[in-house]
Amino acid sequence: MGPNVRRFREKDFPETQQAPTCPSVAQQAGGSSMGEHENERVVQEMYAAFGRGDIPGVLDQLADDIEWRIAGPSELPYAGLHRGRDEVAKFFETFGQVSEFEMFEAQEYFSRGDKVVVLGHERQRVKATGHVVETEWAMVFTLRAGKIARYHNFVDTHALAVAHRGS
């Protein structure tokens, strides 16, 4: 730990005091965390549609002007910034042509204001090489008016690129 970081211990808070809390962005602005729960529900519904193979259901959860960012080098033909629902639909089409998930699991959800962060695990097989990549990931969603307006994934892109190259 650096010099400006302090770990809190139970003895730092006598029974007569309460541990400090960190209110959500919505609460700081005078709102409630109910919007955060709604945002999580939207993301969960998107994952449920994806799990059913219902890409139109996925697209229904997105804002018309969605910014869908997939990290990765040129070996990943689906990587890059995709703007709008039509481009996101093309992303799913391209991904389905080159890879398939053997397992995809959203494991933890964290919400704060208009953001939902999801941690998960996946195993995908690259069709051209037959290589399988198993990795953990983080996905960050920004919601606006009950729709996903921005998406950015964070995953081991090196392992995916190697699997696509077949080396």
Foldseek 3Di string as FASTA:
>chain_A
DDPVDDDDDPVVAPPVGDDDDDDFPQVVVVHDCVVQVLLVVLVVQLVVCVVVVNLVSNLVQADQFAWEAEDADVLQVLGGTATGSVSVVVSVVSCVVFKDWPDWDFDDWDTGDQKIKTKIWTWMATVVQRDIDIWIKIKMFGDDPRHTRYIYIDIDRVRVSCRSVND
